[in-house]
Amino acid sequence: MSPVFVALLIPFLGTALGSAFVFFMRRDIPPLLQKILLGFASGVMVAASVWSLLIPAIGMGEGPKAIMAPTVGLLAGFGFLLLIDYITPHIHPAGGPEGPASRLSRTTKLALAVTIHNFPEGMAVGVAIAGALAVDFKMAGALALSLGIAIQNIPEGAIISMPLRAEGNSRPRAFAIGALSGIVEPLGGALMLFLATSIIGIMPYMLSFAAGAMLYVVVEELVPEYSQGKHSNIGTVGFAIGFALMMVLDVVLG
């Protein structure tokens, strides 16, 4: 099986795995486990944004202008997710303010929230793969990024499927809806892979755009989620481990 296909598919499999918890758990993922998983994935994603996306984007330019494309792309990534966050009716998995008023159920809004930030995660993987193919980056970095995102997707799949089951849906239906929230990831990855390899000169913008989108997800969704309630330091420990591991993988293998 092609490494490119595997890297695109892994994040979706993480969502599907989390959604499958509905078949053998009566309650949600234990809070401590969820915090450390989210913290670990956040650390991986932040480190990947720096070493696998932003630094390579800066390295593609020369002189003072080398920072212009990464800066524009980074801010565009943040702005894109901010816009999507604003115009789409949803709620954050960790609670907090809702999006625009709507008649959608809480579970539907949760599904939208997860789907919204699954797309940029898929984009980031697609751009990292494009970098590996186009400018001789190591594929190991893209695979490590994909795995980190998949780990973060496990609790998110459960966040969708288990409330759906509690609302009276069958287990297969709850699993299917939860898993399908992750289908946008390989689609987003494939789209970015196509664009980044087809348009000359766009790579620095795409790499930094994916970094900005992914950092927005970490700051807006993941950090507040594992910082709430008791034992928030467990998530911080997970973040440190994830960041360190991704940094080592990227430097040693990339």
C-alpha atoms as a PDB file:
ATOM      1  CA  MET A   1       0.000   0.000   0.000  1.00  0.00           C
ATOM      2  CA  SER A   2       1.289   3.449  -0.943  1.00  0.00           C
ATOM      3  CA  PRO A   3       2.729   5.527   1.961  1.00  0.00           C
ATOM      4  CA  VAL A   4       0.820   8.512   0.557  1.00  0.00           C
ATOM      5  CA  PHE A   5      -2.512   6.674   0.777  1.00  0.00           C
ATOM      6  CA  VAL A   6      -1.685   5.414   4.284  1.00  0.00           C
ATOM      7  CA  ALA A   7      -0.797   8.904   5.522  1.00  0.00           C
ATOM      8  CA  LEU A   8      -4.039  10.333   4.122  1.00  0.00           C
ATOM      9  CA  LEU A   9      -6.144   7.551   5.637  1.00  0.00           C
ATOM     10  CA  ILE A  10      -4.672   7.285   9.154  1.00  0.00           C
ATOM     11  CA  PRO A  11      -6.499  10.335  10.657  1.00  0.00           C
ATOM     12  CA  PHE A  12      -9.853   9.022   9.411  1.00  0.00           C
ATOM     13  CA  LEU A  13      -9.101   5.649  11.004  1.00  0.00           C
ATOM     14  CA  GLY A  14      -8.506   7.419  14.326  1.00  0.00           C
ATOM     15  CA  THR A  15     -11.976   8.971  14.164  1.00  0.00           C
ATOM     16  CA  ALA A  16     -13.506   5.621  13.226  1.00  0.00           C
ATOM     17  CA  LEU A  17     -11.708   3.913  16.123  1.00  0.00           C
ATOM     18  CA  GLY A  18     -13.043   6.465  18.592  1.00  0.00           C
ATOM     19  CA  SER A  19     -16.547   6.115  17.163  1.00  0.00           C
ATOM     20  CA  ALA A  20     -16.307   2.337  17.631  1.00  0.00           C
ATOM     21  CA  PHE A  21     -16.162   2.854  21.411  1.00  0.00           C
ATOM     22  CA  VAL A  22     -19.951   2.961  21.236  1.00  0.00           C
ATOM     23  CA  PHE A  23     -19.948  -0.826  20.718  1.00  0.00           C
ATOM     24  CA  PHE A  24     -18.155  -1.726  23.949  1.00  0.00           C
ATOM     25  CA  MET A  25     -18.385   1.226  26.368  1.00  0.00           C
ATOM     26  CA  ARG A  26     -21.394   2.459  28.290  1.00  0.00           C
ATOM     27  CA  ARG A  27     -19.764   5.706  29.276  1.00  0.00           C
ATOM     28  CA  ASP A  28     -17.424   8.216  27.713  1.00  0.00           C
ATOM     29  CA  ILE A  29     -13.658   7.838  27.607  1.00  0.00           C
ATOM     30  CA  PRO A  30     -12.266   8.312  31.160  1.00  0.00           C
ATOM     31  CA  PRO A  31     -11.506  12.020  31.636  1.00  0.00           C
ATOM     32  CA  LEU A  32      -7.847  11.470  32.539  1.00  0.00           C
ATOM     33  CA  LEU A  33      -7.225   9.356  29.446  1.00  0.00           C
ATOM     34  CA  GLN A  34      -9.020  11.899  27.280  1.00  0.00           C
ATOM     35  CA  LYS A  35      -6.943  14.755  28.694  1.00  0.00           C
ATOM     36  CA  ILE A  36      -3.616  13.044  28.093  1.00  0.00           C
ATOM     37  CA  LEU A  37      -4.638  11.982  24.564  1.00  0.00           C
ATOM     38  CA  LEU A  38      -5.731  15.509  23.659  1.00  0.00           C
ATOM     39  CA  GLY A  39      -2.624  17.017  25.264  1.00  0.00           C
ATOM     40  CA  PHE A  40      -0.355  14.570  23.448  1.00  0.00           C
ATOM     41  CA  ALA A  41      -2.018  15.239  20.096  1.00  0.00           C
ATOM     42  CA  SER A  42      -1.839  19.009  20.694  1.00  0.00           C
ATOM     43  CA  GLY A  43       1.902  18.752  21.304  1.00  0.00           C
ATOM     44  CA  VAL A  44       2.382  16.693  18.147  1.00  0.00           C
ATOM     45  CA  MET A  45       0.358  19.156  16.079  1.00  0.00           C
ATOM     46  CA  VAL A  46       2.173  22.252  17.377  1.00  0.00           C
ATOM     47  CA  ALA A  47       5.596  20.674  16.825  1.00  0.00           C
ATOM     48  CA  ALA A  48       4.573  19.494  13.363  1.00  0.00           C
ATOM     49  CA  SER A  49       3.306  22.975  12.516  1.00  0.00           C
ATOM     50  CA  VAL A  50       6.731  24.385  13.329  1.00  0.00           C
ATOM     51  CA  TRP A  51       9.171  21.740  12.075  1.00  0.00           C
ATOM     52  CA  SER A  52       7.184  20.048   9.300  1.00  0.00           C
ATOM     53  CA  LEU A  53       5.338  23.076   7.899  1.00  0.00           C
ATOM     54  CA  LEU A  54       6.568  26.551   8.895  1.00  0.00           C
ATOM     55  CA  ILE A  55      10.347  25.993   8.900  1.00  0.00           C
ATOM     56  CA  PRO A  56      10.285  24.251   5.483  1.00  0.00           C
ATOM     57  CA  ALA A  57       8.060  27.066   4.148  1.00  0.00           C
ATOM     58  CA  ILE A  58      10.568  29.681   5.332  1.00  0.00           C
ATOM     59  CA  GLY A  59      13.437  27.654   3.877  1.00  0.00           C
ATOM     60  CA  MET A  60      11.920  27.801   0.386  1.00  0.00           C
ATOM     61  CA  GLY A  61      12.532  31.552   0.108  1.00  0.00           C
ATOM     62  CA  GLU A  62      15.651  33.708   0.077  1.00  0.00           C
ATOM     63  CA  GLY A  63      16.558  36.902   1.880  1.00  0.00           C
ATOM     64  CA  PRO A  64      14.083  39.105   3.794  1.00  0.00           C
ATOM     65  CA  LYS A  65      11.241  38.076   1.486  1.00  0.00           C
ATOM     66  CA  ALA A  66      11.552  34.474   2.680  1.00  0.00           C
ATOM     67  CA  ILE A  67       9.272  35.239   5.615  1.00  0.00           C
ATOM     68  CA  MET A  68       6.520  36.941   3.603  1.00  0.00           C
ATOM     69  CA  ALA A  69       4.814  33.867   2.135  1.00  0.00           C
ATOM     70  CA  PRO A  70       4.864  31.900   5.426  1.00  0.00           C
ATOM     71  CA  THR A  71       3.445  34.887   7.311  1.00  0.00           C
ATOM     72  CA  VAL A  72       0.665  35.445   4.801  1.00  0.00           C
ATOM     73  CA  GLY A  73      -0.157  31.747   4.666  1.00  0.00           C
ATOM     74  CA  LEU A  74      -0.140  31.381   8.462  1.00  0.00           C
ATOM     75  CA  LEU A  75      -2.529  34.297   8.990  1.00  0.00           C
ATOM     76  CA  ALA A  76      -4.724  33.091   6.129  1.00  0.00           C
ATOM     77  CA  GLY A  77      -4.987  29.672   7.797  1.00  0.00           C
ATOM     78  CA  PHE A  78      -6.072  31.255  11.077  1.00  0.00           C
ATOM     79  CA  GLY A  79      -8.483  33.559   9.272  1.00  0.00           C
ATOM     80  CA  PHE A  80     -10.042  30.740   7.261  1.00  0.00           C
ATOM     81  CA  LEU A  81     -10.800  28.658  10.344  1.00  0.00           C
ATOM     82  CA  LEU A  82     -12.040  31.714  12.223  1.00  0.00           C
ATOM     83  CA  LEU A  83     -14.466  32.437   9.394  1.00  0.00           C
ATOM     84  CA  ILE A  84     -15.692  28.829   9.245  1.00  0.00           C
ATOM     85  CA  ASP A  85     -16.020  28.805  13.028  1.00  0.00           C
ATOM     86  CA  TYR A  86     -18.116  31.970  12.891  1.00  0.00           C
ATOM     87  CA  ILE A  87     -20.533  31.164  10.079  1.00  0.00           C
ATOM     88  CA  THR A  88     -21.216  27.497  10.913  1.00  0.00           C
ATOM     89  CA  PRO A  89     -23.729  26.637  13.663  1.00  0.00           C
ATOM     90  CA  HIS A  90     -21.869  24.454  16.129  1.00  0.00           C
ATOM     91  CA  ILE A  91     -20.663  24.168  19.696  1.00  0.00           C
ATOM     92  CA  HIS A  92     -17.186  23.433  20.930  1.00  0.00           C
ATOM     93  CA  PRO A  93     -16.603  19.941  22.370  1.00  0.00           C
ATOM     94  CA  ALA A  94     -15.283  21.589  25.529  1.00  0.00           C
ATOM     95  CA  GLY A  95     -18.335  23.813  25.906  1.00  0.00           C
ATOM     96  CA  GLY A  96     -18.248  27.571  25.731  1.00  0.00           C
ATOM     97  CA  PRO A  97     -19.954  29.967  23.338  1.00  0.00           C
ATOM     98  CA  GLU A  98     -21.992  28.567  20.497  1.00  0.00           C
ATOM     99  CA  GLY A  99     -21.882  29.511  16.851  1.00  0.00           C
ATOM    100  CA  PRO A 100     -24.795  31.242  15.100  1.00  0.00           C
ATOM    101  CA  ALA A 101     -28.244  30.427  16.415  1.00  0.00           C
ATOM    102  CA  SER A 102     -29.926  27.415  14.826  1.00  0.00           C
ATOM    103  CA  ARG A 103     -32.439  24.667  15.505  1.00  0.00           C
ATOM    104  CA  LEU A 104     -29.813  21.946  15.309  1.00  0.00           C
ATOM    105  CA  SER A 105     -29.488  19.547  18.233  1.00  0.00           C
ATOM    106  CA  ARG A 106     -26.498  19.639  20.560  1.00  0.00           C
ATOM    107  CA  THR A 107     -25.148  16.389  19.155  1.00  0.00           C
ATOM    108  CA  THR A 108     -25.460  17.673  15.586  1.00  0.00           C
ATOM    109  CA  LYS A 109     -23.552  20.801  16.565  1.00  0.00           C
ATOM    110  CA  LEU A 110     -20.868  18.649  18.185  1.00  0.00           C
ATOM    111  CA  ALA A 111     -20.590  16.668  14.965  1.00  0.00           C
ATOM    112  CA  LEU A 112     -20.236  19.918  13.016  1.00  0.00           C
ATOM    113  CA  ALA A 113     -17.568  21.163  15.418  1.00  0.00           C
ATOM    114  CA  VAL A 114     -15.506  17.998  14.953  1.00  0.00           C
ATOM    115  CA  THR A 115     -16.011  18.001  11.179  1.00  0.00           C
ATOM    116  CA  ILE A 116     -14.984  21.671  10.967  1.00  0.00           C
ATOM    117  CA  HIS A 117     -11.571  21.075  12.452  1.00  0.00           C
ATOM    118  CA  ASN A 118     -11.067  17.654  10.880  1.00  0.00           C
ATOM    119  CA  PHE A 119     -10.827  19.324   7.476  1.00  0.00           C
ATOM    120  CA  PRO A 120      -7.754  21.495   8.208  1.00  0.00           C
ATOM    121  CA  GLU A 121      -6.077  18.531   9.888  1.00  0.00           C
ATOM    122  CA  GLY A 122      -6.494  16.592   6.654  1.00  0.00           C
ATOM    123  CA  MET A 123      -5.201  19.618   4.762  1.00  0.00           C
ATOM    124  CA  ALA A 124      -2.078  19.682   6.918  1.00  0.00           C
ATOM    125  CA  VAL A 125      -1.346  16.030   6.186  1.00  0.00           C
ATOM    126  CA  GLY A 126      -1.896  16.570   2.465  1.00  0.00           C
ATOM    127  CA  VAL A 127       0.480  19.540   2.371  1.00  0.00           C
ATOM    128  CA  ALA A 128       3.119  17.678   4.406  1.00  0.00           C
ATOM    129  CA  ILE A 129       2.936  14.813   1.890  1.00  0.00           C
ATOM    130  CA  ALA A 130       3.204  17.279  -0.991  1.00  0.00           C
ATOM    131  CA  GLY A 131       6.320  18.721   0.616  1.00  0.00           C
ATOM    132  CA  ALA A 132       7.818  15.264   0.944  1.00  0.00           C
ATOM    133  CA  LEU A 133       7.153  14.537  -2.735  1.00  0.00           C
ATOM    134  CA  ALA A 134       8.066  17.909  -4.212  1.00  0.00           C
ATOM    135  CA  VAL A 135      11.113  19.081  -2.288  1.00  0.00           C
ATOM    136  CA  ASP A 136      12.557  15.866  -0.955  1.00  0.00           C
ATOM    137  CA  PHE A 137      11.270  16.058   2.619  1.00  0.00           C
ATOM    138  CA  LYS A 138      11.176  12.735   4.411  1.00  0.00           C
ATOM    139  CA  MET A 139       7.817  10.934   4.333  1.00  0.00           C
ATOM    140  CA  ALA A 140       8.403   9.907   7.966  1.00  0.00           C
ATOM    141  CA  GLY A 141       7.515  13.427   9.097  1.00  0.00           C
ATOM    142  CA  ALA A 142       4.185  13.348   7.255  1.00  0.00           C
ATOM    143  CA  LEU A 143       3.394   9.910   8.684  1.00  0.00           C
ATOM    144  CA  ALA A 144       4.236  11.068  12.218  1.00  0.00           C
ATOM    145  CA  LEU A 145       1.965  14.094  11.786  1.00  0.00           C
ATOM    146  CA  SER A 146      -0.808  11.853  10.471  1.00  0.00           C
ATOM    147  CA  LEU A 147      -0.454   9.518  13.452  1.00  0.00           C
ATOM    148  CA  GLY A 148      -0.563  12.393  15.944  1.00  0.00           C
ATOM    149  CA  ILE A 149      -3.767  13.707  14.394  1.00  0.00           C
ATOM    150  CA  ALA A 150      -5.261  10.200  14.461  1.00  0.00           C
ATOM    151  CA  ILE A 151      -4.580   9.920  18.210  1.00  0.00           C
ATOM    152  CA  GLN A 152      -6.330  13.240  18.763  1.00  0.00           C
ATOM    153  CA  ASN A 153      -9.285  12.023  16.694  1.00  0.00           C
ATOM    154  CA  ILE A 154      -9.955   8.998  18.913  1.00  0.00           C
ATOM    155  CA  PRO A 155     -11.714  10.894  21.734  1.00  0.00           C
ATOM    156  CA  GLU A 156     -13.463  13.086  19.165  1.00  0.00           C
ATOM    157  CA  GLY A 157     -15.064  10.066  17.483  1.00  0.00           C
ATOM    158  CA  ALA A 158     -16.348   8.936  20.871  1.00  0.00           C
ATOM    159  CA  ILE A 159     -17.597  12.466  21.662  1.00  0.00           C
ATOM    160  CA  ILE A 160     -19.974  12.141  18.696  1.00  0.00           C
ATOM    161  CA  SER A 161     -21.005   8.477  18.674  1.00  0.00           C
ATOM    162  CA  MET A 162     -21.691   7.965  22.376  1.00  0.00           C
ATOM    163  CA  PRO A 163     -24.136  10.892  22.812  1.00  0.00           C
ATOM    164  CA  LEU A 164     -25.907   9.731  19.652  1.00  0.00           C
ATOM    165  CA  ARG A 165     -26.361   6.326  21.249  1.00  0.00           C
ATOM    166  CA  ALA A 166     -27.635   7.963  24.457  1.00  0.00           C
ATOM    167  CA  GLU A 167     -30.251   9.810  22.380  1.00  0.00           C
ATOM    168  CA  GLY A 168     -31.700   6.481  21.202  1.00  0.00           C
ATOM    169  CA  ASN A 169     -29.852   5.804  17.965  1.00  0.00           C
ATOM    170  CA  SER A 170     -28.671   2.258  17.291  1.00  0.00           C
ATOM    171  CA  ARG A 171     -25.007   1.476  17.849  1.00  0.00           C
ATOM    172  CA  PRO A 172     -24.289   0.971  14.116  1.00  0.00           C
ATOM    173  CA  ARG A 173     -25.963   4.283  13.253  1.00  0.00           C
ATOM    174  CA  ALA A 174     -24.125   6.156  16.016  1.00  0.00           C
ATOM    175  CA  PHE A 175     -20.836   4.625  14.861  1.00  0.00           C
ATOM    176  CA  ALA A 176     -21.494   5.478  11.208  1.00  0.00           C
ATOM    177  CA  ILE A 177     -22.280   9.135  11.931  1.00  0.00           C
ATOM    178  CA  GLY A 178     -19.230   9.489  14.179  1.00  0.00           C
ATOM    179  CA  ALA A 179     -16.913   7.836  11.676  1.00  0.00           C
ATOM    180  CA  LEU A 180     -18.247   9.867   8.757  1.00  0.00           C
ATOM    181  CA  SER A 181     -17.322  13.097  10.552  1.00  0.00           C
ATOM    182  CA  GLY A 182     -13.731  12.134   9.790  1.00  0.00           C
ATOM    183  CA  ILE A 183     -14.185  11.452   6.085  1.00  0.00           C
ATOM    184  CA  VAL A 184     -13.374  15.095   5.327  1.00  0.00           C
ATOM    185  CA  GLU A 185      -9.781  14.478   6.401  1.00  0.00           C
ATOM    186  CA  PRO A 186      -8.613  12.311   3.488  1.00  0.00           C
ATOM    187  CA  LEU A 187     -10.700  14.512   1.174  1.00  0.00           C
ATOM    188  CA  GLY A 188      -9.044  17.676   2.471  1.00  0.00           C
ATOM    189  CA  GLY A 189      -5.648  16.019   2.311  1.00  0.00           C
ATOM    190  CA  ALA A 190      -6.143  14.884  -1.270  1.00  0.00           C
ATOM    191  CA  LEU A 191      -7.337  18.353  -2.308  1.00  0.00           C
ATOM    192  CA  MET A 192      -4.314  20.095  -0.805  1.00  0.00           C
ATOM    193  CA  LEU A 193      -1.963  17.468  -2.233  1.00  0.00           C
ATOM    194  CA  PHE A 194      -3.376  18.142  -5.698  1.00  0.00           C
ATOM    195  CA  LEU A 195      -3.190  21.936  -5.376  1.00  0.00           C
ATOM    196  CA  ALA A 196       0.279  22.008  -3.836  1.00  0.00           C
ATOM    197  CA  THR A 197       1.779  19.796  -6.524  1.00  0.00           C
ATOM    198  CA  SER A 198      -0.061  21.425  -9.437  1.00  0.00           C
ATOM    199  CA  ILE A 199       0.507  25.158  -8.905  1.00  0.00           C
ATOM    200  CA  ILE A 200       4.123  26.331  -9.120  1.00  0.00           C
ATOM    201  CA  GLY A 201       5.249  28.598  -6.292  1.00  0.00           C
ATOM    202  CA  ILE A 202       2.264  27.925  -4.036  1.00  0.00           C
ATOM    203  CA  MET A 203       4.002  25.461  -1.713  1.00  0.00           C
ATOM    204  CA  PRO A 204       5.252  27.986   0.932  1.00  0.00           C
ATOM    205  CA  TYR A 205       1.755  29.459   1.167  1.00  0.00           C
ATOM    206  CA  MET A 206       0.124  26.036   1.439  1.00  0.00           C
ATOM    207  CA  LEU A 207       2.523  24.753   4.086  1.00  0.00           C
ATOM    208  CA  SER A 208       2.051  27.816   6.280  1.00  0.00           C
ATOM    209  CA  PHE A 209      -1.717  27.927   5.609  1.00  0.00           C
ATOM    210  CA  ALA A 210      -2.000  24.351   6.906  1.00  0.00           C
ATOM    211  CA  ALA A 211       0.119  25.289   9.927  1.00  0.00           C
ATOM    212  CA  GLY A 212      -2.138  28.250  10.716  1.00  0.00           C
ATOM    213  CA  ALA A 213      -5.289  26.170  10.387  1.00  0.00           C
ATOM    214  CA  MET A 214      -3.892  23.447  12.605  1.00  0.00           C
ATOM    215  CA  LEU A 215      -2.644  25.867  15.262  1.00  0.00           C
ATOM    216  CA  TYR A 216      -6.095  27.466  15.314  1.00  0.00           C
ATOM    217  CA  VAL A 217      -7.612  24.056  16.081  1.00  0.00           C
ATOM    218  CA  VAL A 218      -5.133  23.489  18.910  1.00  0.00           C
ATOM    219  CA  VAL A 219      -5.669  26.890  20.522  1.00  0.00           C
ATOM    220  CA  GLU A 220      -9.423  27.170  19.984  1.00  0.00           C
ATOM    221  CA  GLU A 221     -10.552  23.572  20.536  1.00  0.00           C
ATOM    222  CA  LEU A 222      -8.006  21.221  22.082  1.00  0.00           C
ATOM    223  CA  VAL A 223      -6.254  23.291  24.756  1.00  0.00           C
ATOM    224  CA  PRO A 224      -9.546  24.521  26.310  1.00  0.00           C
ATOM    225  CA  GLU A 225     -10.884  20.962  26.245  1.00  0.00           C
ATOM    226  CA  TYR A 226      -8.067  19.365  28.233  1.00  0.00           C
ATOM    227  CA  SER A 227      -7.597  22.421  30.479  1.00  0.00           C
ATOM    228  CA  GLN A 228     -11.094  22.262  31.988  1.00  0.00           C
ATOM    229  CA  GLY A 229     -11.842  20.734  35.356  1.00  0.00           C
ATOM    230  CA  LYS A 230      -9.523  18.743  37.572  1.00  0.00           C
ATOM    231  CA  HIS A 231      -6.113  17.381  36.639  1.00  0.00           C
ATOM    232  CA  SER A 232      -5.581  19.760  33.731  1.00  0.00           C
ATOM    233  CA  ASN A 233      -1.842  19.286  34.312  1.00  0.00           C
ATOM    234  CA  ILE A 234      -2.233  15.763  32.876  1.00  0.00           C
ATOM    235  CA  GLY A 235      -3.034  17.329  29.517  1.00  0.00           C
ATOM    236  CA  THR A 236      -0.013  19.605  29.859  1.00  0.00           C
ATOM    237  CA  VAL A 237       2.221  16.595  30.489  1.00  0.00           C
ATOM    238  CA  GLY A 238       0.720  14.924  27.417  1.00  0.00           C
ATOM    239  CA  PHE A 239       1.440  18.085  25.404  1.00  0.00           C
ATOM    240  CA  ALA A 240       5.094  18.085  26.461  1.00  0.00           C
ATOM    241  CA  ILE A 241       5.511  14.406  25.555  1.00  0.00           C
ATOM    242  CA  GLY A 242       3.795  14.847  22.190  1.00  0.00           C
ATOM    243  CA  PHE A 243       5.794  17.958  21.325  1.00  0.00           C
ATOM    244  CA  ALA A 244       9.101  16.355  22.284  1.00  0.00           C
ATOM    245  CA  LEU A 245       8.332  13.144  20.405  1.00  0.00           C
ATOM    246  CA  MET A 246       7.328  14.954  17.210  1.00  0.00           C
ATOM    247  CA  MET A 247      10.396  17.200  17.434  1.00  0.00           C
ATOM    248  CA  VAL A 248      12.688  14.193  17.760  1.00  0.00           C
ATOM    249  CA  LEU A 249      10.969  12.314  14.920  1.00  0.00           C
ATOM    250  CA  ASP A 250      11.129  15.301  12.607  1.00  0.00           C
ATOM    251  CA  VAL A 251      14.792  16.065  13.313  1.00  0.00           C
ATOM    252  CA  VAL A 252      16.022  12.465  13.307  1.00  0.00           C
ATOM    253  CA  LEU A 253      13.869  11.118  10.462  1.00  0.00           C
ATOM    254  CA  GLY A 254      13.186  14.332   8.544  1.00  0.00           C
END
